[in-house]
Every structure is written in C-alpha cells, then in structure tokens.
Amino acid sequence: MLIQIAHLYATVCLGIVFFQMALIGGAPLGPWTQGGQHPGALPVTGRLLAALSVPVVIFQALAVLAAAGFPGLDWPRWTGWLALGVSVLSAVLNGITPSPRERAVWFPVMFVMAGMAGYVMISTAS
C-alpha cells in the first residue's frame, strides 16, 4: 500500500506539472489559480510563478518516492518531510484563497496530497 500511495502522490504531482505548463503556455485558467485574480490567461508574472512551481512539484514527487524506498532515489529523509510541509502549506493556502473555483478544486486535491505524503512519511519512520 505504501508504494501505491507514493506512486499516486507522484502521479498527482505530474498532473499539477501539466496544469502549470498549460498556465505557462497561456491557457485561460486564471480563475483556477493564484487567487483567481485573472479572468483569462495569466500575465507574465503569473506565468513566471507557475514556471517556478514546476521544479518544486517535481522535487516533491521525487522526495516522497525516495522516502517510500523507490529504487535509485537515495535522497535524505528530510526531503520527504519538506515535501510534506509544502503539501500542507499548499492545502492551507488553497483553503483560504479568495477564488471559489480554486478552493473547490485545489483545496481537496492538496489536502489529499498532504495526507498521502503524511502516510508515506509516518509509515516509513524508524
């Protein structure tokens, strides 16, 4: 079960990366991200923020996979805890956003992701 949850966490991270890539490419998804301040495509600053989040989300996926014992990923354990912290922070921020669309979609996603990361980290504690 541990490996499956870690894989599911990484898969959701991949979906988030695709969403961020769409934002960077100019998809009109502004109401669904960054507080819903933009009705269409994000401005350049918003796209840069989306671009900065891509390596963070990839790091999170790899850190949780490493914590679960994925072969070839011999990362320090603290990276998994950091990924859990980012997941919790993301859930909180998406829960308090002024955008109802963002709150309705991303809060539950981030909440479940935080739970998955927490499960991996607690299950592998020694």
C-alpha atoms as a PDB file:
ATOM      1  CA  MET A   1       0.000   0.000   0.000  1.00  0.00           C
ATOM      2  CA  LEU A   2       2.869   2.362   0.811  1.00  0.00           C
ATOM      3  CA  ILE A   3       4.367   2.152  -2.668  1.00  0.00           C
ATOM      4  CA  GLN A   4       0.988   2.642  -4.322  1.00  0.00           C
ATOM      5  CA  ILE A   5       0.288   5.774  -2.271  1.00  0.00           C
ATOM      6  CA  ALA A   6       3.719   7.182  -3.105  1.00  0.00           C
ATOM      7  CA  HIS A   7       3.108   6.457  -6.794  1.00  0.00           C
ATOM      8  CA  LEU A   8      -0.324   8.081  -6.628  1.00  0.00           C
ATOM      9  CA  TYR A   9       1.216  11.160  -4.972  1.00  0.00           C
ATOM     10  CA  ALA A  10       3.799  11.376  -7.765  1.00  0.00           C
ATOM     11  CA  THR A  11       1.090  10.921 -10.404  1.00  0.00           C
ATOM     12  CA  VAL A  12      -0.948  13.789  -8.975  1.00  0.00           C
ATOM     13  CA  CYS A  13       2.243  15.877  -8.959  1.00  0.00           C
ATOM     14  CA  LEU A  14       2.647  15.090 -12.648  1.00  0.00           C
ATOM     15  CA  GLY A  15      -0.902  16.295 -13.275  1.00  0.00           C
ATOM     16  CA  ILE A  16      -0.074  19.517 -11.441  1.00  0.00           C
ATOM     17  CA  VAL A  17       3.024  19.970 -13.595  1.00  0.00           C
ATOM     18  CA  PHE A  18       0.848  19.636 -16.712  1.00  0.00           C
ATOM     19  CA  PHE A  19      -1.565  22.220 -15.277  1.00  0.00           C
ATOM     20  CA  GLN A  20       1.346  24.599 -14.612  1.00  0.00           C
ATOM     21  CA  MET A  21       2.650  24.044 -18.146  1.00  0.00           C
ATOM     22  CA  ALA A  22      -0.763  24.970 -19.516  1.00  0.00           C
ATOM     23  CA  LEU A  23      -0.675  28.152 -17.431  1.00  0.00           C
ATOM     24  CA  ILE A  24       2.811  28.967 -18.712  1.00  0.00           C
ATOM     25  CA  GLY A  25       1.596  28.369 -22.273  1.00  0.00           C
ATOM     26  CA  GLY A  26      -1.225  30.875 -21.849  1.00  0.00           C
ATOM     27  CA  ALA A  27      -4.247  28.672 -21.230  1.00  0.00           C
ATOM     28  CA  PRO A  28      -7.158  30.751 -19.891  1.00  0.00           C
ATOM     29  CA  LEU A  29      -7.138  29.124 -16.448  1.00  0.00           C
ATOM     30  CA  GLY A  30      -6.606  32.254 -14.337  1.00  0.00           C
ATOM     31  CA  PRO A  31      -9.773  31.770 -12.242  1.00  0.00           C
ATOM     32  CA  TRP A  32      -8.463  28.362 -11.133  1.00  0.00           C
ATOM     33  CA  THR A  33      -5.100  29.536  -9.754  1.00  0.00           C
ATOM     34  CA  GLN A  34      -3.187  32.272  -7.952  1.00  0.00           C
ATOM     35  CA  GLY A  35      -6.218  33.576  -6.104  1.00  0.00           C
ATOM     36  CA  GLY A  36      -8.408  33.702  -9.207  1.00  0.00           C
ATOM     37  CA  GLN A  37      -7.314  37.280  -9.888  1.00  0.00           C
ATOM     38  CA  HIS A  38      -7.128  36.887 -13.646  1.00  0.00           C
ATOM     39  CA  PRO A  39     -10.216  36.013 -15.733  1.00  0.00           C
ATOM     40  CA  GLY A  40      -8.245  34.536 -18.640  1.00  0.00           C
ATOM     41  CA  ALA A  41      -4.596  33.731 -19.188  1.00  0.00           C
ATOM     42  CA  LEU A  42      -2.103  34.734 -16.529  1.00  0.00           C
ATOM     43  CA  PRO A  43       0.103  37.771 -17.063  1.00  0.00           C
ATOM     44  CA  VAL A  44       3.852  37.298 -17.416  1.00  0.00           C
ATOM     45  CA  THR A  45       4.443  37.499 -13.664  1.00  0.00           C
ATOM     46  CA  GLY A  46       1.833  34.808 -13.046  1.00  0.00           C
ATOM     47  CA  ARG A  47       3.362  32.599 -15.690  1.00  0.00           C
ATOM     48  CA  LEU A  48       6.782  33.025 -14.090  1.00  0.00           C
ATOM     49  CA  LEU A  49       5.324  31.968 -10.766  1.00  0.00           C
ATOM     50  CA  ALA A  50       3.832  28.902 -12.472  1.00  0.00           C
ATOM     51  CA  ALA A  51       7.237  28.148 -14.006  1.00  0.00           C
ATOM     52  CA  LEU A  52       8.899  28.375 -10.589  1.00  0.00           C
ATOM     53  CA  SER A  53       6.423  25.921  -9.132  1.00  0.00           C
ATOM     54  CA  VAL A  54       7.256  23.194 -11.674  1.00  0.00           C
ATOM     55  CA  PRO A  55      10.643  22.196 -10.166  1.00  0.00           C
ATOM     56  CA  VAL A  56       9.149  22.422  -6.664  1.00  0.00           C
ATOM     57  CA  VAL A  57       6.372  19.971  -7.557  1.00  0.00           C
ATOM     58  CA  ILE A  58       8.842  17.636  -9.277  1.00  0.00           C
ATOM     59  CA  PHE A  59      11.033  17.777  -6.146  1.00  0.00           C
ATOM     60  CA  GLN A  60       8.011  16.895  -4.004  1.00  0.00           C
ATOM     61  CA  ALA A  61       7.182  13.870  -6.148  1.00  0.00           C
ATOM     62  CA  LEU A  62      10.733  12.560  -6.122  1.00  0.00           C
ATOM     63  CA  ALA A  63      11.173  13.199  -2.386  1.00  0.00           C
ATOM     64  CA  VAL A  64       8.056  11.213  -1.483  1.00  0.00           C
ATOM     65  CA  LEU A  65       9.058   8.401  -3.845  1.00  0.00           C
ATOM     66  CA  ALA A  66      12.518   8.355  -2.252  1.00  0.00           C
ATOM     67  CA  ALA A  67      11.011   8.192   1.238  1.00  0.00           C
ATOM     68  CA  ALA A  68       8.926   5.210   0.131  1.00  0.00           C
ATOM     69  CA  GLY A  69      12.094   3.415  -0.967  1.00  0.00           C
ATOM     70  CA  PHE A  70      11.859   3.845  -4.737  1.00  0.00           C
ATOM     71  CA  PRO A  71      14.951   2.204  -6.289  1.00  0.00           C
ATOM     72  CA  GLY A  72      17.633   4.630  -7.419  1.00  0.00           C
ATOM     73  CA  LEU A  73      16.351   7.526  -5.304  1.00  0.00           C
ATOM     74  CA  ASP A  74      18.607   7.635  -2.284  1.00  0.00           C
ATOM     75  CA  TRP A  75      17.588  11.078  -1.063  1.00  0.00           C
ATOM     76  CA  PRO A  76      17.942  12.201   2.544  1.00  0.00           C
ATOM     77  CA  ARG A  77      14.842  11.614   4.649  1.00  0.00           C
ATOM     78  CA  TRP A  78      14.378  15.307   5.397  1.00  0.00           C
ATOM     79  CA  THR A  79      13.422  15.884   1.747  1.00  0.00           C
ATOM     80  CA  GLY A  80      10.268  13.818   2.275  1.00  0.00           C
ATOM     81  CA  TRP A  81       9.388  15.854   5.353  1.00  0.00           C
ATOM     82  CA  LEU A  82       9.946  19.024   3.349  1.00  0.00           C
ATOM     83  CA  ALA A  83       7.621  17.719   0.624  1.00  0.00           C
ATOM     84  CA  LEU A  84       5.020  17.001   3.303  1.00  0.00           C
ATOM     85  CA  GLY A  85       5.430  20.541   4.640  1.00  0.00           C
ATOM     86  CA  VAL A  86       4.956  22.061   1.184  1.00  0.00           C
ATOM     87  CA  SER A  87       1.870  19.894   0.669  1.00  0.00           C
ATOM     88  CA  VAL A  88       0.349  21.031   3.968  1.00  0.00           C
ATOM     89  CA  LEU A  89       1.169  24.678   3.231  1.00  0.00           C
ATOM     90  CA  SER A  90      -0.379  24.338  -0.237  1.00  0.00           C
ATOM     91  CA  ALA A  91      -3.535  22.845   1.263  1.00  0.00           C
ATOM     92  CA  VAL A  92      -3.830  25.711   3.747  1.00  0.00           C
ATOM     93  CA  LEU A  93      -3.232  28.377   1.095  1.00  0.00           C
ATOM     94  CA  ASN A  94      -5.731  26.788  -1.282  1.00  0.00           C
ATOM     95  CA  GLY A  95      -8.230  26.560   1.554  1.00  0.00           C
ATOM     96  CA  ILE A  96      -8.091  30.290   2.265  1.00  0.00           C
ATOM     97  CA  THR A  97      -7.863  31.599  -1.290  1.00  0.00           C
ATOM     98  CA  PRO A  98     -10.472  34.164  -2.333  1.00  0.00           C
ATOM     99  CA  SER A  99     -11.160  32.170  -5.509  1.00  0.00           C
ATOM    100  CA  PRO A 100     -14.141  29.824  -5.051  1.00  0.00           C
ATOM    101  CA  ARG A 101     -13.062  27.719  -8.041  1.00  0.00           C
ATOM    102  CA  GLU A 102      -9.548  27.315  -6.713  1.00  0.00           C
ATOM    103  CA  ARG A 103     -10.878  26.469  -3.256  1.00  0.00           C
ATOM    104  CA  ALA A 104     -13.332  23.919  -4.657  1.00  0.00           C
ATOM    105  CA  VAL A 105     -10.764  22.104  -6.798  1.00  0.00           C
ATOM    106  CA  TRP A 106      -7.295  22.607  -5.382  1.00  0.00           C
ATOM    107  CA  PHE A 107      -8.025  22.550  -1.653  1.00  0.00           C
ATOM    108  CA  PRO A 108      -9.312  18.939  -1.723  1.00  0.00           C
ATOM    109  CA  VAL A 109      -6.504  17.874  -4.054  1.00  0.00           C
ATOM    110  CA  MET A 110      -3.823  19.412  -1.837  1.00  0.00           C
ATOM    111  CA  PHE A 111      -5.493  18.121   1.327  1.00  0.00           C
ATOM    112  CA  VAL A 112      -5.436  14.559  -0.004  1.00  0.00           C
ATOM    113  CA  MET A 113      -1.859  15.008  -1.226  1.00  0.00           C
ATOM    114  CA  ALA A 114      -0.810  16.156   2.240  1.00  0.00           C
ATOM    115  CA  GLY A 115      -2.473  13.055   3.653  1.00  0.00           C
ATOM    116  CA  MET A 116      -0.662  10.805   1.195  1.00  0.00           C
ATOM    117  CA  ALA A 117       2.717  12.407   1.932  1.00  0.00           C
ATOM    118  CA  GLY A 118       2.000  12.171   5.655  1.00  0.00           C
ATOM    119  CA  TYR A 119       1.114   8.495   5.328  1.00  0.00           C
ATOM    120  CA  VAL A 120       4.360   7.776   3.482  1.00  0.00           C
ATOM    121  CA  MET A 121       6.480   9.684   5.967  1.00  0.00           C
ATOM    122  CA  ILE A 122       4.823   8.222   9.091  1.00  0.00           C
ATOM    123  CA  SER A 123       4.777   4.689   7.677  1.00  0.00           C
ATOM    124  CA  THR A 124       8.482   4.795   6.933  1.00  0.00           C
ATOM    125  CA  ALA A 125       9.535   6.350  10.258  1.00  0.00           C
ATOM    126  CA  SER A 126      12.028   4.197  12.082  1.00  0.00           C
END
